[in-house]
């Protein structure tokens, strides 16, 4: 596979219905750790927990944060040192985020495309629905939150929704422009310029 190719990947959060999913483009020269960062941004997670990828039985983890494993002894590979360049068309692999709540994601390589010199990467194409709140207790906890949120008379509404979650949380909401703005802050492109040194916002040169 050429170093100038781009992968179109669809990621779907498993165990939640209706589905929470995103579709994005990413350069195949990126590492698994960088793919993790992109997933965090497009899904809406807060990058507060450990993660792992599993591809054809091989697991990749961040060796700078996880001191629970011997990378040589456990057969793990460091996500910061291995690129996604070997992934092929229709490749299916998994991403686990937060080993406590254990959010499992399925990723599929839908297309392998030539790199467009006028495009910015990574880039989110589309998606549906909001990801669950962090530390909500996995799938059962998420469904419980949704049930409570629908009923303001529920005995847990005040504590669980108003005080902990926040009434503004909308499980149906996804803003692709916001996701791409976050990606652009993470990976500024040639021709961008800073317009606010304090907030580090970036915009395209006209």
N, C-alpha and C. Protein backbone atom coordinates (compact mmCIF):
# COMPACT_ATOMS: atom_id res chain seq x y z
N UNK A 1 0.84 -1.20 0.00
CA UNK A 1 0.00 0.00 0.00
C UNK A 1 0.87 1.25 0.00
N UNK A 2 0.52 2.21 -0.83
CA UNK A 2 1.29 3.44 -0.94
C UNK A 2 1.17 4.29 0.31
N UNK A 3 2.25 5.03 0.62
CA UNK A 3 2.22 5.93 1.77
C UNK A 3 1.33 7.15 1.52
N UNK A 4 0.92 7.37 0.29
CA UNK A 4 0.09 8.52 -0.06
C UNK A 4 -1.38 8.17 -0.14
N UNK A 5 -1.78 7.04 0.41
CA UNK A 5 -3.17 6.63 0.34
C UNK A 5 -3.93 7.02 1.61
N UNK A 6 -5.24 7.08 1.46
CA UNK A 6 -6.13 7.47 2.53
C UNK A 6 -7.15 6.36 2.75
N UNK A 7 -7.44 6.08 4.00
CA UNK A 7 -8.44 5.07 4.33
C UNK A 7 -9.76 5.73 4.69
N UNK A 8 -10.83 5.24 4.12
CA UNK A 8 -12.16 5.63 4.58
C UNK A 8 -12.63 4.57 5.56
N UNK A 9 -12.85 4.98 6.80
CA UNK A 9 -13.18 4.05 7.87
C UNK A 9 -14.54 4.40 8.46
N UNK A 10 -15.34 3.38 8.68
CA UNK A 10 -16.58 3.55 9.44
C UNK A 10 -16.41 2.91 10.79
N UNK A 11 -16.74 3.64 11.85
CA UNK A 11 -16.66 3.13 13.20
C UNK A 11 -18.05 3.12 13.81
N UNK A 12 -18.41 2.01 14.44
CA UNK A 12 -19.72 1.86 15.06
C UNK A 12 -19.55 1.41 16.49
N UNK A 13 -20.23 2.08 17.41
CA UNK A 13 -20.21 1.68 18.82
C UNK A 13 -21.14 0.50 18.99
N UNK A 14 -20.63 -0.59 19.51
CA UNK A 14 -21.43 -1.81 19.63
C UNK A 14 -22.25 -1.81 20.94
N UNK A 15 -23.40 -2.47 20.89
CA UNK A 15 -24.23 -2.63 22.08
C UNK A 15 -25.27 -1.56 22.28
N UNK A 16 -25.25 -0.51 21.44
CA UNK A 16 -26.18 0.61 21.57
C UNK A 16 -27.10 0.65 20.35
N UNK A 17 -28.38 0.81 20.59
CA UNK A 17 -29.35 0.94 19.51
C UNK A 17 -30.33 2.07 19.84
N UNK A 18 -30.60 2.96 18.86
CA UNK A 18 -30.07 3.04 17.50
C UNK A 18 -28.55 3.25 17.49
N UNK A 19 -27.95 2.91 16.39
CA UNK A 19 -26.50 2.90 16.30
C UNK A 19 -25.88 4.29 16.44
N UNK A 20 -24.70 4.31 17.07
CA UNK A 20 -23.84 5.50 17.12
C UNK A 20 -22.67 5.19 16.20
N UNK A 21 -22.51 5.98 15.13
CA UNK A 21 -21.47 5.66 14.17
C UNK A 21 -20.90 6.94 13.56
N UNK A 22 -19.68 6.81 12.97
CA UNK A 22 -19.02 7.90 12.25
C UNK A 22 -18.32 7.31 11.03
N UNK A 23 -18.15 8.15 10.02
CA UNK A 23 -17.37 7.79 8.84
C UNK A 23 -16.34 8.89 8.62
N UNK A 24 -15.06 8.50 8.44
CA UNK A 24 -14.01 9.50 8.33
C UNK A 24 -12.89 9.03 7.42
N UNK A 25 -12.09 10.00 6.98
CA UNK A 25 -10.89 9.74 6.18
C UNK A 25 -9.66 9.97 7.05
N UNK A 26 -8.67 9.11 6.89
CA UNK A 26 -7.43 9.25 7.65
C UNK A 26 -6.28 8.73 6.80
N UNK A 27 -5.14 9.39 6.86
CA UNK A 27 -3.97 8.97 6.10
C UNK A 27 -3.42 7.66 6.66
N UNK A 28 -2.99 6.79 5.76
CA UNK A 28 -2.54 5.47 6.22
C UNK A 28 -1.15 5.50 6.86
N UNK A 29 -0.50 6.66 6.86
CA UNK A 29 0.81 6.76 7.51
C UNK A 29 0.68 7.04 9.01
N UNK A 30 -0.54 7.27 9.49
CA UNK A 30 -0.75 7.59 10.91
C UNK A 30 -0.57 6.34 11.77
N UNK A 31 -0.24 6.56 13.03
CA UNK A 31 -0.08 5.46 13.97
C UNK A 31 -1.43 5.08 14.58
N UNK A 32 -1.45 3.94 15.26
CA UNK A 32 -2.67 3.55 15.96
C UNK A 32 -3.02 4.54 17.07
N UNK A 33 -2.01 5.15 17.67
CA UNK A 33 -2.30 6.15 18.70
C UNK A 33 -2.97 7.37 18.08
N UNK A 34 -2.52 7.77 16.91
CA UNK A 34 -3.17 8.89 16.23
C UNK A 34 -4.58 8.53 15.79
N UNK A 35 -4.79 7.30 15.37
CA UNK A 35 -6.14 6.84 15.06
C UNK A 35 -7.01 6.92 16.31
N UNK A 36 -6.47 6.53 17.44
CA UNK A 36 -7.19 6.67 18.71
C UNK A 36 -7.61 8.12 18.96
N UNK A 37 -6.70 9.05 18.73
CA UNK A 37 -7.01 10.47 18.93
C UNK A 37 -8.13 10.93 18.01
N UNK A 38 -8.10 10.47 16.76
CA UNK A 38 -9.15 10.83 15.81
C UNK A 38 -10.49 10.25 16.26
N UNK A 39 -10.49 9.01 16.70
CA UNK A 39 -11.73 8.38 17.18
C UNK A 39 -12.30 9.16 18.36
N UNK A 40 -11.44 9.54 19.29
CA UNK A 40 -11.91 10.30 20.44
C UNK A 40 -12.61 11.58 20.01
N UNK A 41 -12.05 12.24 19.02
CA UNK A 41 -12.62 13.51 18.57
C UNK A 41 -13.93 13.32 17.82
N UNK A 42 -13.97 12.40 16.90
CA UNK A 42 -15.18 12.25 16.09
C UNK A 42 -16.31 11.60 16.87
N UNK A 43 -15.98 10.70 17.79
CA UNK A 43 -17.03 10.06 18.58
C UNK A 43 -17.56 10.97 19.67
N UNK A 44 -16.68 11.83 20.20
CA UNK A 44 -17.09 12.71 21.28
C UNK A 44 -16.65 12.25 22.65
N UNK A 45 -15.78 11.24 22.72
CA UNK A 45 -15.22 10.81 23.99
C UNK A 45 -14.26 11.88 24.51
N UNK A 46 -13.84 11.77 25.76
CA UNK A 46 -13.01 12.82 26.38
C UNK A 46 -11.56 12.39 26.59
N UNK A 47 -11.16 11.23 26.06
CA UNK A 47 -9.78 10.77 26.15
C UNK A 47 -9.31 10.68 27.61
N UNK A 48 -10.17 10.12 28.44
CA UNK A 48 -9.89 10.04 29.88
C UNK A 48 -9.50 8.64 30.35
N UNK A 49 -9.44 7.68 29.43
CA UNK A 49 -9.21 6.29 29.82
C UNK A 49 -8.25 5.60 28.85
N UNK A 50 -7.83 4.40 29.23
CA UNK A 50 -6.97 3.60 28.39
C UNK A 50 -7.75 3.01 27.22
N UNK A 51 -7.03 2.49 26.25
CA UNK A 51 -7.65 1.96 25.05
C UNK A 51 -6.80 0.84 24.47
N UNK A 52 -7.37 0.10 23.54
CA UNK A 52 -6.61 -0.90 22.78
C UNK A 52 -7.28 -1.13 21.44
N UNK A 53 -6.47 -1.50 20.46
CA UNK A 53 -6.96 -1.96 19.16
C UNK A 53 -6.61 -3.44 19.03
N UNK A 54 -7.47 -4.19 18.36
CA UNK A 54 -7.16 -5.58 18.04
C UNK A 54 -7.39 -5.80 16.55
N UNK A 55 -6.33 -6.18 15.86
CA UNK A 55 -6.38 -6.42 14.41
C UNK A 55 -5.87 -7.83 14.15
N UNK A 56 -6.74 -8.69 13.63
CA UNK A 56 -6.36 -10.08 13.33
C UNK A 56 -5.68 -10.75 14.52
N UNK A 57 -6.22 -10.52 15.70
CA UNK A 57 -5.70 -11.15 16.91
C UNK A 57 -4.53 -10.44 17.56
N UNK A 58 -3.96 -9.44 16.90
CA UNK A 58 -2.85 -8.67 17.46
C UNK A 58 -3.38 -7.42 18.16
N UNK A 59 -2.93 -7.21 19.41
CA UNK A 59 -3.41 -6.09 20.19
C UNK A 59 -2.37 -4.97 20.25
N UNK A 60 -2.86 -3.73 20.14
CA UNK A 60 -2.01 -2.54 20.20
C UNK A 60 -2.50 -1.66 21.34
N UNK A 61 -1.56 -1.28 22.23
CA UNK A 61 -1.91 -0.41 23.35
C UNK A 61 -0.85 0.68 23.50
N UNK A 62 -1.20 1.69 24.29
CA UNK A 62 -0.29 2.81 24.52
C UNK A 62 0.66 2.45 25.66
N UNK A 63 1.92 2.19 25.33
CA UNK A 63 2.88 1.77 26.35
C UNK A 63 3.30 2.90 27.26
N UNK A 64 2.98 4.15 26.94
CA UNK A 64 3.35 5.26 27.81
C UNK A 64 2.37 5.43 28.96
N UNK A 65 1.17 4.90 28.83
CA UNK A 65 0.16 5.10 29.86
C UNK A 65 -0.19 3.82 30.61
N UNK A 66 -0.07 2.68 29.97
CA UNK A 66 -0.51 1.44 30.59
C UNK A 66 0.70 0.70 31.16
N UNK A 67 0.84 0.72 32.49
CA UNK A 67 1.95 0.04 33.14
C UNK A 67 1.52 -1.32 33.68
N UNK A 68 0.35 -1.82 33.22
CA UNK A 68 -0.15 -3.09 33.72
C UNK A 68 0.37 -4.27 32.92
N UNK A 69 0.99 -4.01 31.78
CA UNK A 69 1.39 -5.10 30.89
C UNK A 69 2.87 -5.03 30.57
N UNK A 70 3.43 -6.20 30.35
CA UNK A 70 4.77 -6.33 29.78
C UNK A 70 4.57 -6.50 28.27
N UNK A 71 4.94 -5.49 27.50
CA UNK A 71 4.62 -5.51 26.08
C UNK A 71 5.29 -6.67 25.36
N UNK A 72 6.47 -7.06 25.79
CA UNK A 72 7.12 -8.20 25.15
C UNK A 72 6.49 -9.50 25.61
N UNK A 73 6.29 -9.62 26.90
CA UNK A 73 5.77 -10.87 27.45
C UNK A 73 4.33 -11.14 27.09
N UNK A 74 3.50 -10.10 27.00
CA UNK A 74 2.08 -10.28 26.71
C UNK A 74 1.76 -10.25 25.22
N UNK A 75 2.75 -10.05 24.39
CA UNK A 75 2.52 -10.03 22.95
C UNK A 75 1.84 -8.78 22.45
N UNK A 76 1.85 -7.71 23.27
CA UNK A 76 1.24 -6.46 22.86
C UNK A 76 2.23 -5.64 22.04
N UNK A 77 1.70 -4.80 21.17
CA UNK A 77 2.54 -3.88 20.40
C UNK A 77 2.18 -2.45 20.76
N UNK A 78 3.17 -1.56 20.83
CA UNK A 78 2.91 -0.17 21.20
C UNK A 78 2.18 0.60 20.10
N UNK A 79 1.10 1.25 20.46
CA UNK A 79 0.28 1.95 19.47
C UNK A 79 0.96 3.19 18.90
N UNK A 80 1.93 3.74 19.64
CA UNK A 80 2.61 4.95 19.16
C UNK A 80 3.70 4.64 18.13
N UNK A 81 4.08 3.38 18.02
CA UNK A 81 5.18 3.01 17.13
C UNK A 81 4.74 2.23 15.91
N UNK A 82 3.47 1.90 15.82
CA UNK A 82 2.98 1.09 14.71
C UNK A 82 1.92 1.86 13.92
N UNK A 83 2.10 1.90 12.60
CA UNK A 83 1.18 2.65 11.76
C UNK A 83 0.04 1.74 11.28
N UNK A 84 -0.99 2.38 10.72
CA UNK A 84 -2.15 1.66 10.22
C UNK A 84 -2.00 1.33 8.72
N UNK A 85 -0.80 1.51 8.19
CA UNK A 85 -0.58 1.37 6.76
C UNK A 85 -0.84 -0.02 6.20
N UNK A 86 -0.83 -1.05 7.05
CA UNK A 86 -1.04 -2.41 6.55
C UNK A 86 -2.52 -2.77 6.45
N UNK A 87 -3.41 -1.90 6.96
CA UNK A 87 -4.84 -2.19 6.88
C UNK A 87 -5.28 -2.22 5.42
N UNK A 88 -6.15 -3.14 5.09
CA UNK A 88 -6.56 -3.32 3.70
C UNK A 88 -8.06 -3.11 3.53
N UNK A 89 -8.49 -3.04 2.29
CA UNK A 89 -9.90 -2.84 1.97
C UNK A 89 -10.75 -3.94 2.61
N UNK A 90 -11.84 -3.52 3.24
CA UNK A 90 -12.80 -4.39 3.93
C UNK A 90 -12.26 -4.98 5.23
N UNK A 91 -11.08 -4.52 5.65
CA UNK A 91 -10.52 -4.96 6.93
C UNK A 91 -11.46 -4.58 8.07
N UNK A 92 -11.70 -5.52 8.97
CA UNK A 92 -12.53 -5.28 10.14
C UNK A 92 -11.65 -5.46 11.38
N UNK A 93 -11.71 -4.51 12.30
CA UNK A 93 -10.93 -4.62 13.52
C UNK A 93 -11.66 -3.88 14.64
N UNK A 94 -11.17 -4.04 15.86
CA UNK A 94 -11.91 -3.52 17.01
C UNK A 94 -11.09 -2.49 17.77
N UNK A 95 -11.81 -1.64 18.46
CA UNK A 95 -11.24 -0.60 19.32
C UNK A 95 -12.01 -0.63 20.63
N UNK A 96 -11.29 -0.80 21.73
CA UNK A 96 -11.90 -0.79 23.06
C UNK A 96 -11.45 0.46 23.80
N UNK A 97 -12.41 1.19 24.32
CA UNK A 97 -12.10 2.40 25.08
C UNK A 97 -12.67 2.28 26.48
N UNK A 98 -11.84 2.59 27.48
CA UNK A 98 -12.22 2.54 28.89
C UNK A 98 -12.40 1.08 29.33
N UNK A 99 -11.36 0.51 29.93
CA UNK A 99 -11.39 -0.89 30.31
C UNK A 99 -12.34 -1.17 31.46
N UNK A 100 -12.90 -0.11 32.08
CA UNK A 100 -13.92 -0.30 33.10
C UNK A 100 -15.30 -0.44 32.47
N UNK A 101 -15.75 0.61 31.78
CA UNK A 101 -17.03 0.55 31.07
C UNK A 101 -16.94 -0.32 29.83
N UNK A 102 -15.75 -0.46 29.28
CA UNK A 102 -15.48 -1.37 28.16
C UNK A 102 -16.36 -1.08 26.95
N UNK A 103 -16.16 0.10 26.37
CA UNK A 103 -16.90 0.46 25.17
C UNK A 103 -16.23 -0.17 23.96
N UNK A 104 -16.93 -1.09 23.31
CA UNK A 104 -16.40 -1.81 22.16
C UNK A 104 -16.88 -1.15 20.86
N UNK A 105 -15.94 -0.94 19.95
CA UNK A 105 -16.24 -0.34 18.66
C UNK A 105 -15.78 -1.28 17.54
N UNK A 106 -16.57 -1.34 16.48
CA UNK A 106 -16.18 -2.07 15.28
C UNK A 106 -15.76 -1.07 14.21
N UNK A 107 -14.59 -1.27 13.62
CA UNK A 107 -14.10 -0.43 12.54
C UNK A 107 -13.99 -1.25 11.27
N UNK A 108 -14.40 -0.64 10.15
CA UNK A 108 -14.33 -1.29 8.84
C UNK A 108 -13.67 -0.33 7.86
N UNK A 109 -12.66 -0.82 7.14
CA UNK A 109 -12.05 -0.03 6.07
C UNK A 109 -12.95 -0.15 4.85
N UNK A 110 -13.68 0.91 4.53
CA UNK A 110 -14.65 0.88 3.44
C UNK A 110 -14.02 1.17 2.08
N UNK A 111 -13.01 2.05 2.07
CA UNK A 111 -12.37 2.43 0.82
C UNK A 111 -10.90 2.71 1.06
N UNK A 112 -10.08 2.50 0.03
CA UNK A 112 -8.68 2.93 0.01
C UNK A 112 -8.56 3.90 -1.14
N UNK A 113 -8.24 5.16 -0.84
CA UNK A 113 -8.31 6.24 -1.82
C UNK A 113 -6.94 6.90 -2.01
N UNK A 114 -6.69 7.47 -3.18
CA UNK A 114 -5.47 8.27 -3.34
C UNK A 114 -5.59 9.55 -2.53
N UNK A 115 -4.48 10.01 -2.01
CA UNK A 115 -4.49 11.23 -1.22
C UNK A 115 -4.76 12.44 -2.11
N UNK A 116 -5.74 13.26 -1.73
CA UNK A 116 -6.07 14.49 -2.46
C UNK A 116 -5.20 15.61 -1.90
N UNK A 117 -4.31 16.19 -2.70
CA UNK A 117 -3.41 17.24 -2.19
C UNK A 117 -4.15 18.49 -1.73
N UNK A 118 -5.40 18.67 -2.14
CA UNK A 118 -6.17 19.84 -1.74
C UNK A 118 -7.05 19.58 -0.53
N UNK A 119 -7.09 18.35 -0.07
CA UNK A 119 -7.95 18.00 1.07
C UNK A 119 -7.16 18.05 2.37
N UNK A 120 -7.88 18.16 3.47
CA UNK A 120 -7.26 18.11 4.80
C UNK A 120 -7.59 16.77 5.45
N UNK A 121 -6.61 16.21 6.12
CA UNK A 121 -6.79 14.93 6.80
C UNK A 121 -6.25 15.03 8.22
N UNK A 122 -6.92 14.34 9.15
CA UNK A 122 -8.13 13.53 9.02
C UNK A 122 -9.37 14.40 8.84
N UNK A 123 -10.45 13.78 8.35
CA UNK A 123 -11.68 14.52 8.07
C UNK A 123 -12.88 13.62 8.30
N UNK A 124 -13.86 14.11 9.05
CA UNK A 124 -15.07 13.36 9.33
C UNK A 124 -16.11 13.66 8.25
N UNK A 125 -16.64 12.64 7.62
CA UNK A 125 -17.62 12.79 6.55
C UNK A 125 -19.04 12.90 7.08
N UNK A 126 -19.40 12.05 8.01
CA UNK A 126 -20.77 12.01 8.52
C UNK A 126 -20.84 11.11 9.74
N UNK A 127 -21.99 11.09 10.34
CA UNK A 127 -22.21 10.23 11.49
C UNK A 127 -23.60 10.44 12.05
N UNK A 128 -23.94 9.63 13.04
CA UNK A 128 -25.25 9.74 13.67
C UNK A 128 -25.15 9.51 15.17
N UNK A 129 -25.86 10.31 15.91
CA UNK A 129 -26.11 10.19 17.35
C UNK A 129 -24.85 10.46 18.19
N UNK A 130 -25.11 10.85 19.40
CA UNK A 130 -24.08 11.22 20.38
C UNK A 130 -23.54 9.95 21.05
N UNK A 131 -22.27 9.99 21.43
CA UNK A 131 -21.74 8.86 22.20
C UNK A 131 -22.25 8.95 23.64
N UNK A 132 -22.23 7.86 24.38
CA UNK A 132 -22.70 7.89 25.78
C UNK A 132 -21.84 8.80 26.64
N UNK A 133 -22.34 9.22 27.79
CA UNK A 133 -21.52 9.99 28.72
C UNK A 133 -20.40 9.12 29.28
N UNK A 134 -19.26 9.74 29.55
CA UNK A 134 -18.16 9.00 30.17
C UNK A 134 -18.57 8.51 31.57
N UNK A 135 -18.05 7.32 31.93
CA UNK A 135 -18.22 6.77 33.28
C UNK A 135 -19.68 6.58 33.68
N UNK A 136 -20.51 6.23 32.71
CA UNK A 136 -21.93 6.07 33.01
C UNK A 136 -22.30 4.64 33.40
N UNK A 137 -21.35 3.71 33.37
CA UNK A 137 -21.66 2.35 33.75
C UNK A 137 -21.93 1.44 32.57
N UNK A 138 -21.26 1.70 31.45
CA UNK A 138 -21.37 0.90 30.25
C UNK A 138 -22.79 0.91 29.69
N UNK A 139 -23.14 -0.11 28.90
CA UNK A 139 -24.42 -0.13 28.19
C UNK A 139 -25.61 -0.09 29.13
N UNK A 140 -25.64 -0.91 30.19
CA UNK A 140 -26.80 -0.85 31.10
C UNK A 140 -26.94 0.53 31.76
N UNK A 141 -25.82 1.14 32.15
CA UNK A 141 -25.87 2.46 32.75
C UNK A 141 -26.35 3.51 31.78
N UNK A 142 -25.96 3.38 30.51
CA UNK A 142 -26.39 4.32 29.48
C UNK A 142 -27.91 4.25 29.30
N UNK A 143 -28.43 3.05 29.17
CA UNK A 143 -29.88 2.91 28.98
C UNK A 143 -30.65 3.42 30.20
N UNK A 144 -30.09 3.25 31.37
CA UNK A 144 -30.74 3.76 32.58
C UNK A 144 -30.80 5.29 32.55
N UNK A 145 -29.70 5.90 32.14
CA UNK A 145 -29.66 7.36 32.03
C UNK A 145 -30.71 7.86 31.04
N UNK A 146 -30.83 7.19 29.90
CA UNK A 146 -31.80 7.59 28.89
C UNK A 146 -33.22 7.49 29.43
N UNK A 147 -33.49 6.42 30.18
CA UNK A 147 -34.82 6.26 30.77
C UNK A 147 -35.12 7.36 31.78
N UNK A 148 -34.15 7.68 32.62
CA UNK A 148 -34.34 8.72 33.63
C UNK A 148 -34.51 10.08 32.97
N UNK A 149 -33.72 10.33 31.93
CA UNK A 149 -33.77 11.63 31.25
C UNK A 149 -35.14 11.90 30.63
N UNK A 150 -35.83 10.85 30.22
CA UNK A 150 -37.15 11.01 29.60
C UNK A 150 -38.24 11.34 30.60
N UNK A 151 -37.96 11.17 31.88
CA UNK A 151 -38.98 11.34 32.92
C UNK A 151 -38.50 12.28 34.02
N UNK A 152 -38.88 13.54 33.94
CA UNK A 152 -38.43 14.52 34.93
C UNK A 152 -38.97 14.24 36.33
N UNK A 153 -39.96 13.38 36.43
CA UNK A 153 -40.52 13.02 37.74
C UNK A 153 -39.82 11.81 38.35
N UNK A 154 -38.86 11.25 37.62
CA UNK A 154 -38.12 10.09 38.12
C UNK A 154 -37.36 10.50 39.38
N UNK A 155 -37.34 9.65 40.43
CA UNK A 155 -36.66 10.01 41.68
C UNK A 155 -35.17 10.28 41.54
N UNK A 156 -34.54 9.81 40.45
CA UNK A 156 -33.11 10.03 40.25
C UNK A 156 -32.83 11.20 39.30
N UNK A 157 -33.86 11.84 38.78
CA UNK A 157 -33.65 12.88 37.77
C UNK A 157 -32.80 14.03 38.31
N UNK A 158 -33.10 14.50 39.46
CA UNK A 158 -32.38 15.66 40.02
C UNK A 158 -30.90 15.37 40.16
N UNK A 159 -30.57 14.24 40.77
CA UNK A 159 -29.16 13.91 41.03
C UNK A 159 -28.44 13.43 39.78
N UNK A 160 -29.08 12.53 39.02
CA UNK A 160 -28.40 11.90 37.89
C UNK A 160 -28.32 12.80 36.67
N UNK A 161 -29.40 13.50 36.38
CA UNK A 161 -29.45 14.31 35.16
C UNK A 161 -29.03 15.76 35.43
N UNK A 162 -29.70 16.43 36.33
CA UNK A 162 -29.44 17.85 36.55
C UNK A 162 -28.08 18.10 37.18
N UNK A 163 -27.69 17.27 38.15
CA UNK A 163 -26.45 17.52 38.88
C UNK A 163 -25.24 16.83 38.27
N UNK A 164 -25.41 15.63 37.72
CA UNK A 164 -24.25 14.88 37.21
C UNK A 164 -24.10 15.01 35.70
N UNK A 165 -25.11 14.61 34.96
CA UNK A 165 -25.00 14.59 33.51
C UNK A 165 -25.16 15.96 32.88
N UNK A 166 -26.17 16.69 33.29
CA UNK A 166 -26.49 17.97 32.66
C UNK A 166 -27.67 17.79 31.70
N UNK A 167 -28.64 18.65 31.81
CA UNK A 167 -29.85 18.51 31.00
C UNK A 167 -29.60 18.77 29.52
N UNK A 168 -28.46 19.38 29.19
CA UNK A 168 -28.19 19.68 27.78
C UNK A 168 -27.74 18.45 26.99
N UNK A 169 -27.41 17.36 27.66
CA UNK A 169 -26.98 16.16 26.93
C UNK A 169 -28.11 15.64 26.06
N UNK A 170 -27.83 15.48 24.76
CA UNK A 170 -28.82 15.01 23.80
C UNK A 170 -28.28 13.77 23.11
N UNK A 171 -28.84 12.59 23.38
CA UNK A 171 -28.32 11.36 22.78
C UNK A 171 -28.46 11.31 21.26
N UNK A 172 -29.31 12.16 20.69
CA UNK A 172 -29.52 12.14 19.25
C UNK A 172 -28.61 13.12 18.50
N UNK A 173 -27.86 13.92 19.22
CA UNK A 173 -27.12 15.02 18.59
C UNK A 173 -25.74 14.60 18.12
N UNK A 174 -25.41 14.98 16.88
CA UNK A 174 -24.03 14.89 16.39
C UNK A 174 -23.80 16.03 15.43
N UNK A 175 -22.71 16.75 15.62
CA UNK A 175 -22.36 17.91 14.80
C UNK A 175 -21.05 17.61 14.07
N UNK A 176 -21.16 17.32 12.77
CA UNK A 176 -19.97 16.95 12.01
C UNK A 176 -19.02 18.13 11.87
N UNK A 177 -19.55 19.36 11.80
CA UNK A 177 -18.69 20.54 11.71
C UNK A 177 -17.84 20.70 12.97
N UNK A 178 -18.45 20.45 14.13
CA UNK A 178 -17.71 20.54 15.38
C UNK A 178 -16.61 19.47 15.43
N UNK A 179 -16.93 18.28 14.96
CA UNK A 179 -15.94 17.21 14.94
C UNK A 179 -14.76 17.59 14.06
N UNK A 180 -15.03 18.15 12.90
CA UNK A 180 -13.94 18.54 12.00
C UNK A 180 -13.16 19.73 12.52
N UNK A 181 -13.84 20.63 13.22
CA UNK A 181 -13.12 21.74 13.84
C UNK A 181 -12.12 21.21 14.87
N UNK A 182 -12.55 20.22 15.66
CA UNK A 182 -11.65 19.61 16.63
C UNK A 182 -10.48 18.91 15.97
N UNK A 183 -10.75 18.22 14.88
CA UNK A 183 -9.66 17.54 14.14
C UNK A 183 -8.68 18.55 13.57
N UNK A 184 -9.18 19.68 13.11
CA UNK A 184 -8.31 20.70 12.52
C UNK A 184 -7.41 21.33 13.58
N UNK A 185 -7.94 21.47 14.79
CA UNK A 185 -7.11 21.97 15.89
C UNK A 185 -5.99 20.98 16.22
N UNK A 186 -6.32 19.68 16.16
CA UNK A 186 -5.33 18.65 16.46
C UNK A 186 -4.28 18.54 15.37
N UNK A 187 -4.73 18.67 14.12
CA UNK A 187 -3.84 18.49 12.97
C UNK A 187 -3.98 19.68 12.03
N UNK A 188 -3.40 20.83 12.39
CA UNK A 188 -3.49 22.01 11.52
C UNK A 188 -2.82 21.74 10.18
N UNK A 189 -3.36 22.36 9.14
CA UNK A 189 -2.87 22.13 7.79
C UNK A 189 -2.01 23.30 7.30
N UNK A 190 -1.21 23.02 6.30
CA UNK A 190 -0.41 24.06 5.69
C UNK A 190 -1.32 25.14 5.11
N UNK A 191 -1.06 26.37 5.42
CA UNK A 191 -1.90 27.47 4.96
C UNK A 191 -2.85 27.97 6.03
N UNK A 192 -2.97 27.26 7.13
CA UNK A 192 -3.79 27.74 8.24
C UNK A 192 -3.05 28.85 8.97
N UNK A 193 -3.79 29.62 9.74
CA UNK A 193 -3.15 30.61 10.60
C UNK A 193 -3.92 30.72 11.91
N UNK A 194 -3.20 31.06 12.97
CA UNK A 194 -3.84 31.26 14.26
C UNK A 194 -4.60 32.58 14.26
N UNK A 195 -5.81 32.55 14.82
CA UNK A 195 -6.56 33.79 14.96
C UNK A 195 -6.79 34.13 16.43
N UNK A 196 -6.45 33.21 17.31
CA UNK A 196 -6.63 33.45 18.74
C UNK A 196 -5.60 32.62 19.48
N UNK A 197 -4.54 33.24 19.94
CA UNK A 197 -3.46 32.53 20.58
C UNK A 197 -3.87 31.85 21.87
N UNK A 198 -4.90 32.36 22.53
CA UNK A 198 -5.32 31.78 23.80
C UNK A 198 -6.12 30.50 23.60
N UNK A 199 -6.99 30.47 22.62
CA UNK A 199 -7.83 29.30 22.42
C UNK A 199 -7.31 28.38 21.33
N UNK A 200 -6.31 28.82 20.60
CA UNK A 200 -5.65 28.01 19.58
C UNK A 200 -6.62 27.60 18.48
N UNK A 201 -7.50 28.48 18.10
CA UNK A 201 -8.37 28.21 16.96
C UNK A 201 -7.60 28.38 15.67
N UNK A 202 -8.01 27.63 14.65
CA UNK A 202 -7.35 27.73 13.35
C UNK A 202 -8.41 27.90 12.26
N UNK A 203 -8.05 28.63 11.21
CA UNK A 203 -8.96 28.81 10.08
C UNK A 203 -8.16 28.67 8.79
N UNK A 204 -8.86 28.42 7.69
CA UNK A 204 -8.20 28.32 6.39
C UNK A 204 -7.86 29.71 5.87
N UNK A 205 -6.70 29.83 5.26
CA UNK A 205 -6.37 31.05 4.55
C UNK A 205 -7.30 31.17 3.34
N UNK A 206 -7.80 32.38 3.06
CA UNK A 206 -8.62 32.60 1.88
C UNK A 206 -7.73 32.62 0.64
